[in-house]
PDB file of all heavy atoms in Angstrom:
ATOM      1  N   THR A   1       5.295   9.461  -8.083  1.00  0.00           N
ATOM      2  CA  THR A   1       6.068   8.724  -9.077  1.00  0.00           C
ATOM      3  C   THR A   1       5.409   7.390  -9.405  1.00  0.00           C
ATOM      4  O   THR A   1       5.293   7.000 -10.574  1.00  0.00           O
ATOM      5  CB  THR A   1       7.503   8.480  -8.568  1.00  0.00           C
ATOM      6  OG1 THR A   1       8.136   9.740  -8.331  1.00  0.00           O
ATOM      7  CG2 THR A   1       8.321   7.712  -9.588  1.00  0.00           C
ATOM      8  N   GLY A   2       4.978   6.685  -8.371  1.00  0.00           N
ATOM      9  CA  GLY A   2       4.312   5.401  -8.600  1.00  0.00           C
ATOM     10  C   GLY A   2       3.054   5.552  -9.430  1.00  0.00           C
ATOM     11  O   GLY A   2       2.790   4.757 -10.341  1.00  0.00           O
ATOM     12  N   ILE A   3       2.282   6.590  -9.152  1.00  0.00           N
ATOM     13  CA  ILE A   3       1.007   6.786  -9.855  1.00  0.00           C
ATOM     14  C   ILE A   3       1.220   7.293 -11.275  1.00  0.00           C
ATOM     15  O   ILE A   3       0.653   6.760 -12.233  1.00  0.00           O
ATOM     16  CB  ILE A   3       0.119   7.774  -9.063  1.00  0.00           C
ATOM     17  CG1 ILE A   3      -0.275   7.148  -7.714  1.00  0.00           C
ATOM     18  CG2 ILE A   3      -1.123   8.147  -9.864  1.00  0.00           C
ATOM     19  CD1 ILE A   3      -0.915   8.112  -6.744  1.00  0.00           C
ATOM     20  N   PHE A   4       2.069   8.335 -11.432  1.00  0.00           N
ATOM     21  CA  PHE A   4       2.193   8.994 -12.728  1.00  0.00           C
ATOM     22  C   PHE A   4       3.182   8.306 -13.673  1.00  0.00           C
ATOM     23  O   PHE A   4       3.035   8.396 -14.893  1.00  0.00           O
ATOM     24  CB  PHE A   4       2.611  10.451 -12.541  1.00  0.00           C
ATOM     25  CG  PHE A   4       1.587  11.284 -11.817  1.00  0.00           C
ATOM     26  CD1 PHE A   4       1.944  12.079 -10.752  1.00  0.00           C
ATOM     27  CD2 PHE A   4       0.256  11.241 -12.191  1.00  0.00           C
ATOM     28  CE1 PHE A   4       1.001  12.839 -10.074  1.00  0.00           C
ATOM     29  CE2 PHE A   4      -0.705  11.989 -11.522  1.00  0.00           C
ATOM     30  CZ  PHE A   4      -0.331  12.789 -10.455  1.00  0.00           C
ATOM     31  N   VAL A   5       4.188   7.630 -13.125  1.00  0.00           N
ATOM     32  CA  VAL A   5       5.189   6.991 -13.980  1.00  0.00           C
ATOM     33  C   VAL A   5       4.852   5.512 -14.189  1.00  0.00           C
ATOM     34  O   VAL A   5       4.733   5.046 -15.323  1.00  0.00           O
ATOM     35  CB  VAL A   5       6.610   7.153 -13.397  1.00  0.00           C
ATOM     36  CG1 VAL A   5       7.635   6.442 -14.294  1.00  0.00           C
ATOM     37  CG2 VAL A   5       6.971   8.630 -13.258  1.00  0.00           C
ATOM     38  N   ILE A   6       4.701   4.769 -13.113  1.00  0.00           N
ATOM     39  CA  ILE A   6       4.419   3.332 -13.240  1.00  0.00           C
ATOM     40  C   ILE A   6       2.962   3.089 -13.603  1.00  0.00           C
ATOM     41  O   ILE A   6       2.644   2.234 -14.422  1.00  0.00           O
ATOM     42  CB  ILE A   6       4.804   2.596 -11.943  1.00  0.00           C
ATOM     43  CG1 ILE A   6       6.323   2.710 -11.722  1.00  0.00           C
ATOM     44  CG2 ILE A   6       4.371   1.136 -11.988  1.00  0.00           C
ATOM     45  CD1 ILE A   6       6.800   2.132 -10.423  1.00  0.00           C
ATOM     46  N   GLY A   7       2.054   3.842 -12.992  1.00  0.00           N
ATOM     47  CA  GLY A   7       0.650   3.759 -13.348  1.00  0.00           C
ATOM     48  C   GLY A   7      -0.180   2.883 -12.433  1.00  0.00           C
ATOM     49  O   GLY A   7       0.316   1.930 -11.827  1.00  0.00           O
ATOM     50  N   ARG A   8      -1.458   3.245 -12.318  1.00  0.00           N
ATOM     51  CA  ARG A   8      -2.396   2.498 -11.477  1.00  0.00           C
ATOM     52  C   ARG A   8      -2.799   1.169 -12.113  1.00  0.00           C
ATOM     53  O   ARG A   8      -2.862   1.041 -13.327  1.00  0.00           O
ATOM     54  CB  ARG A   8      -3.664   3.319 -11.240  1.00  0.00           C
ATOM     55  CG  ARG A   8      -3.496   4.530 -10.360  1.00  0.00           C
ATOM     56  CD  ARG A   8      -4.819   5.243 -10.139  1.00  0.00           C
ATOM     57  NE  ARG A   8      -5.335   5.845 -11.361  1.00  0.00           N
ATOM     58  CZ  ARG A   8      -6.411   5.428 -11.995  1.00  0.00           C
ATOM     59  NH1 ARG A   8      -7.101   4.376 -11.558  1.00  0.00           N
ATOM     60  NH2 ARG A   8      -6.827   6.038 -13.089  1.00  0.00           N
ATOM     61  N   ILE A   9      -3.097   0.206 -11.248  1.00  0.00           N
ATOM     62  CA  ILE A   9      -3.699  -1.047 -11.695  1.00  0.00           C
ATOM     63  C   ILE A   9      -5.106  -0.752 -12.202  1.00  0.00           C
ATOM     64  O   ILE A   9      -5.858  -0.003 -11.575  1.00  0.00           O
ATOM     65  CB  ILE A   9      -3.764  -2.061 -10.535  1.00  0.00           C
ATOM     66  CG1 ILE A   9      -2.360  -2.504 -10.126  1.00  0.00           C
ATOM     67  CG2 ILE A   9      -4.610  -3.276 -10.908  1.00  0.00           C
ATOM     68  CD1 ILE A   9      -2.330  -3.361  -8.881  1.00  0.00           C
ATOM     69  N   LYS A  10      -5.478  -1.316 -13.335  1.00  0.00           N
ATOM     70  CA  LYS A  10      -6.818  -1.122 -13.857  1.00  0.00           C
ATOM     71  C   LYS A  10      -7.831  -1.689 -12.872  1.00  0.00           C
ATOM     72  O   LYS A  10      -7.738  -2.840 -12.455  1.00  0.00           O
ATOM     73  CB  LYS A  10      -6.958  -1.825 -15.210  1.00  0.00           C
ATOM     74  CG  LYS A  10      -8.292  -1.553 -15.891  1.00  0.00           C
ATOM     75  CD  LYS A  10      -8.352  -2.192 -17.269  1.00  0.00           C
ATOM     76  CE  LYS A  10      -9.691  -1.883 -17.940  1.00  0.00           C
ATOM     77  NZ  LYS A  10      -9.785  -2.496 -19.292  1.00  0.00           N
ATOM     78  N   GLY A  11      -8.779  -0.859 -12.465  1.00  0.00           N
ATOM     79  CA  GLY A  11      -9.769  -1.277 -11.481  1.00  0.00           C
ATOM     80  C   GLY A  11      -9.505  -0.720 -10.102  1.00  0.00           C
ATOM     81  O   GLY A  11     -10.354  -0.818  -9.215  1.00  0.00           O
ATOM     82  N   ILE A  12      -8.327  -0.117  -9.898  1.00  0.00           N
ATOM     83  CA  ILE A  12      -8.010   0.549  -8.644  1.00  0.00           C
ATOM     84  C   ILE A  12      -8.133   2.051  -8.870  1.00  0.00           C
ATOM     85  O   ILE A  12      -7.396   2.634  -9.668  1.00  0.00           O
ATOM     86  CB  ILE A  12      -6.588   0.210  -8.148  1.00  0.00           C
ATOM     87  CG1 ILE A  12      -6.484  -1.279  -7.814  1.00  0.00           C
ATOM     88  CG2 ILE A  12      -6.219   1.062  -6.933  1.00  0.00           C
ATOM     89  CD1 ILE A  12      -7.340  -1.724  -6.654  1.00  0.00           C
ATOM     90  N   ASP A  13      -9.077   2.668  -8.192  1.00  0.00           N
ATOM     91  CA  ASP A  13      -9.308   4.099  -8.390  1.00  0.00           C
ATOM     92  C   ASP A  13      -8.207   4.950  -7.774  1.00  0.00           C
ATOM     93  O   ASP A  13      -7.774   5.937  -8.373  1.00  0.00           O
ATOM     94  CB  ASP A  13     -10.664   4.487  -7.791  1.00  0.00           C
ATOM     95  CG  ASP A  13     -11.815   3.872  -8.557  1.00  0.00           C
ATOM     96  OD1 ASP A  13     -12.088   4.315  -9.683  1.00  0.00           O
ATOM     97  OD2 ASP A  13     -12.436   2.926  -8.034  1.00  0.00           O
ATOM     98  N   ARG A  14      -7.760   4.578  -6.592  1.00  0.00           N
ATOM     99  CA  ARG A  14      -6.693   5.326  -5.924  1.00  0.00           C
ATOM    100  C   ARG A  14      -5.769   4.351  -5.185  1.00  0.00           C
ATOM    101  O   ARG A  14      -6.242   3.569  -4.351  1.00  0.00           O
ATOM    102  CB  ARG A  14      -7.269   6.313  -4.901  1.00  0.00           C
ATOM    103  CG  ARG A  14      -8.173   7.388  -5.502  1.00  0.00           C
ATOM    104  CD  ARG A  14      -7.375   8.434  -6.245  1.00  0.00           C
ATOM    105  NE  ARG A  14      -8.243   9.459  -6.815  1.00  0.00           N
ATOM    106  CZ  ARG A  14      -8.679  10.535  -6.158  1.00  0.00           C
ATOM    107  NH1 ARG A  14      -8.331  10.710  -4.890  1.00  0.00           N
ATOM    108  NH2 ARG A  14      -9.455  11.410  -6.738  1.00  0.00           N
ATOM    109  N   PRO A  15      -4.475   4.374  -5.462  1.00  0.00           N
ATOM    110  CA  PRO A  15      -3.538   3.544  -4.685  1.00  0.00           C
ATOM    111  C   PRO A  15      -3.507   3.994  -3.223  1.00  0.00           C
ATOM    112  O   PRO A  15      -3.890   5.125  -2.893  1.00  0.00           O
ATOM    113  CB  PRO A  15      -2.197   3.804  -5.380  1.00  0.00           C
ATOM    114  CG  PRO A  15      -2.562   4.243  -6.756  1.00  0.00           C
ATOM    115  CD  PRO A  15      -3.818   5.046  -6.586  1.00  0.00           C
ATOM    116  N   ALA A  16      -3.035   3.120  -2.360  1.00  0.00           N
ATOM    117  CA  ALA A  16      -2.971   3.399  -0.928  1.00  0.00           C
ATOM    118  C   ALA A  16      -1.578   3.098  -0.390  1.00  0.00           C
ATOM    119  O   ALA A  16      -0.899   2.195  -0.882  1.00  0.00           O
ATOM    120  CB  ALA A  16      -4.012   2.561  -0.175  1.00  0.00           C
ATOM    121  N   LEU A  17      -1.176   3.848   0.622  1.00  0.00           N
ATOM    122  CA  LEU A  17       0.104   3.610   1.285  1.00  0.00           C
ATOM    123  C   LEU A  17      -0.133   2.710   2.487  1.00  0.00           C
ATOM    124  O   LEU A  17      -0.975   3.007   3.341  1.00  0.00           O
ATOM    125  CB  LEU A  17       0.729   4.933   1.727  1.00  0.00           C
ATOM    126  CG  LEU A  17       2.151   4.856   2.284  1.00  0.00           C
ATOM    127  CD1 LEU A  17       3.131   4.433   1.191  1.00  0.00           C
ATOM    128  CD2 LEU A  17       2.563   6.199   2.870  1.00  0.00           C
ATOM    129  N   MET A  18       0.633   1.610   2.570  1.00  0.00           N
ATOM    130  CA  MET A  18       0.405   0.611   3.606  1.00  0.00           C
ATOM    131  C   MET A  18       1.670   0.325   4.405  1.00  0.00           C
ATOM    132  O   MET A  18       2.529  -0.446   3.980  1.00  0.00           O
ATOM    133  CB  MET A  18      -0.109  -0.686   2.980  1.00  0.00           C
ATOM    134  CG  MET A  18      -0.531  -1.738   4.011  1.00  0.00           C
ATOM    135  SD  MET A  18      -0.934  -3.321   3.241  1.00  0.00           S
ATOM    136  CE  MET A  18       0.705  -3.875   2.745  1.00  0.00           C
ATOM    137  N   PRO A  19       1.802   0.920   5.597  1.00  0.00           N
ATOM    138  CA  PRO A  19       2.909   0.548   6.489  1.00  0.00           C
ATOM    139  C   PRO A  19       2.555  -0.679   7.312  1.00  0.00           C
ATOM    140  O   PRO A  19       1.392  -1.110   7.351  1.00  0.00           O
ATOM    141  CB  PRO A  19       3.036   1.780   7.395  1.00  0.00           C
ATOM    142  CG  PRO A  19       1.649   2.321   7.465  1.00  0.00           C
ATOM    143  CD  PRO A  19       1.006   2.031   6.127  1.00  0.00           C
ATOM    144  N   THR A  20       3.559  -1.247   7.968  1.00  0.00           N
ATOM    145  CA  THR A  20       3.380  -2.387   8.859  1.00  0.00           C
ATOM    146  C   THR A  20       3.707  -1.952  10.282  1.00  0.00           C
ATOM    147  O   THR A  20       4.768  -1.381  10.529  1.00  0.00           O
ATOM    148  CB  THR A  20       4.299  -3.549   8.449  1.00  0.00           C
ATOM    149  OG1 THR A  20       3.994  -3.932   7.107  1.00  0.00           O
ATOM    150  CG2 THR A  20       4.111  -4.748   9.358  1.00  0.00           C
ATOM    151  N   LEU A  21       2.787  -2.212  11.211  1.00  0.00           N
ATOM    152  CA  LEU A  21       2.950  -1.778  12.603  1.00  0.00           C
ATOM    153  C   LEU A  21       3.035  -2.989  13.527  1.00  0.00           C
ATOM    154  O   LEU A  21       2.439  -4.030  13.260  1.00  0.00           O
ATOM    155  CB  LEU A  21       1.763  -0.897  13.022  1.00  0.00           C
ATOM    156  CG  LEU A  21       1.502   0.349  12.168  1.00  0.00           C
ATOM    157  CD1 LEU A  21       0.237   1.052  12.648  1.00  0.00           C
ATOM    158  CD2 LEU A  21       2.685   1.293  12.211  1.00  0.00           C
ATOM    159  N   PRO A  22       3.758  -2.839  14.643  1.00  0.00           N
ATOM    160  CA  PRO A  22       3.837  -3.942  15.621  1.00  0.00           C
ATOM    161  C   PRO A  22       2.534  -4.060  16.390  1.00  0.00           C
ATOM    162  O   PRO A  22       1.711  -3.137  16.410  1.00  0.00           O
ATOM    163  CB  PRO A  22       4.980  -3.487  16.545  1.00  0.00           C
ATOM    164  CG  PRO A  22       4.912  -1.992  16.488  1.00  0.00           C
ATOM    165  CD  PRO A  22       4.532  -1.656  15.073  1.00  0.00           C
ATOM    166  N   THR A  23       2.326  -5.219  17.009  1.00  0.00           N
ATOM    167  CA  THR A  23       1.160  -5.422  17.865  1.00  0.00           C
ATOM    168  C   THR A  23       1.609  -5.999  19.204  1.00  0.00           C
ATOM    169  O   THR A  23       2.786  -6.296  19.407  1.00  0.00           O
ATOM    170  CB  THR A  23       0.138  -6.394  17.217  1.00  0.00           C
ATOM    171  OG1 THR A  23       0.685  -7.728  17.238  1.00  0.00           O
ATOM    172  CG2 THR A  23      -0.181  -5.994  15.798  1.00  0.00           C
ATOM    173  N   THR A  24       0.654  -6.179  20.091  1.00  0.00           N
ATOM    174  CA  THR A  24       0.966  -6.773  21.392  1.00  0.00           C
ATOM    175  C   THR A  24       1.366  -8.231  21.266  1.00  0.00           C
ATOM    176  O   THR A  24       1.927  -8.800  22.207  1.00  0.00           O
ATOM    177  CB  THR A  24      -0.249  -6.655  22.326  1.00  0.00           C
ATOM    178  OG1 THR A  24      -1.409  -7.189  21.658  1.00  0.00           O
ATOM    179  CG2 THR A  24      -0.519  -5.202  22.698  1.00  0.00           C
ATOM    180  N   ASN A  25       1.067  -8.837  20.151  1.00  0.00           N
ATOM    181  CA  ASN A  25       1.495 -10.211  19.868  1.00  0.00           C
ATOM    182  C   ASN A  25       2.871 -10.145  19.208  1.00  0.00           C
ATOM    183  O   ASN A  25       2.995  -9.669  18.080  1.00  0.00           O
ATOM    184  CB  ASN A  25       0.497 -10.895  18.935  1.00  0.00           C
ATOM    185  CG  ASN A  25       0.901 -12.309  18.574  1.00  0.00           C
ATOM    186  OD1 ASN A  25       1.979 -12.791  18.935  1.00  0.00           O
ATOM    187  ND2 ASN A  25       0.037 -12.997  17.839  1.00  0.00           N
ATOM    188  N   PRO A  26       3.927 -10.603  19.873  1.00  0.00           N
ATOM    189  CA  PRO A  26       5.274 -10.491  19.306  1.00  0.00           C
ATOM    190  C   PRO A  26       5.465 -11.267  18.014  1.00  0.00           C
ATOM    191  O   PRO A  26       6.432 -11.050  17.294  1.00  0.00           O
ATOM    192  CB  PRO A  26       6.182 -11.042  20.416  1.00  0.00           C
ATOM    193  CG  PRO A  26       5.292 -11.919  21.234  1.00  0.00           C
ATOM    194  CD  PRO A  26       3.943 -11.278  21.186  1.00  0.00           C
ATOM    195  N   ASN A  27       4.524 -12.165  17.710  1.00  0.00           N
ATOM    196  CA  ASN A  27       4.625 -12.964  16.494  1.00  0.00           C
ATOM    197  C   ASN A  27       3.750 -12.444  15.354  1.00  0.00           C
ATOM    198  O   ASN A  27       3.623 -13.096  14.324  1.00  0.00           O
ATOM    199  CB  ASN A  27       4.240 -14.420  16.801  1.00  0.00           C
ATOM    200  CG  ASN A  27       5.161 -15.059  17.825  1.00  0.00           C
ATOM    201  OD1 ASN A  27       6.373 -14.939  17.724  1.00  0.00           O
ATOM    202  ND2 ASN A  27       4.574 -15.714  18.817  1.00  0.00           N
ATOM    203  N   ASN A  28       3.149 -11.276  15.561  1.00  0.00           N
ATOM    204  CA  ASN A  28       2.261 -10.759  14.522  1.00  0.00           C
ATOM    205  C   ASN A  28       2.381  -9.244  14.416  1.00  0.00           C
ATOM    206  O   ASN A  28       2.848  -8.569  15.341  1.00  0.00           O
ATOM    207  CB  ASN A  28       0.804 -11.144  14.807  1.00  0.00           C
ATOM    208  CG  ASN A  28      -0.063 -11.059  13.568  1.00  0.00           C
ATOM    209  OD1 ASN A  28       0.430 -11.128  12.439  1.00  0.00           O
ATOM    210  ND2 ASN A  28      -1.357 -10.907  13.751  1.00  0.00           N
TER     211      ASN A  28
END
């Protein structure tokens, strides 16, 4: 939906999915 309806940013060949993961540093 993001790619076909909203559309890619010009200059970005393929969008990427970016999750956020915890680390051993509780503040990062």
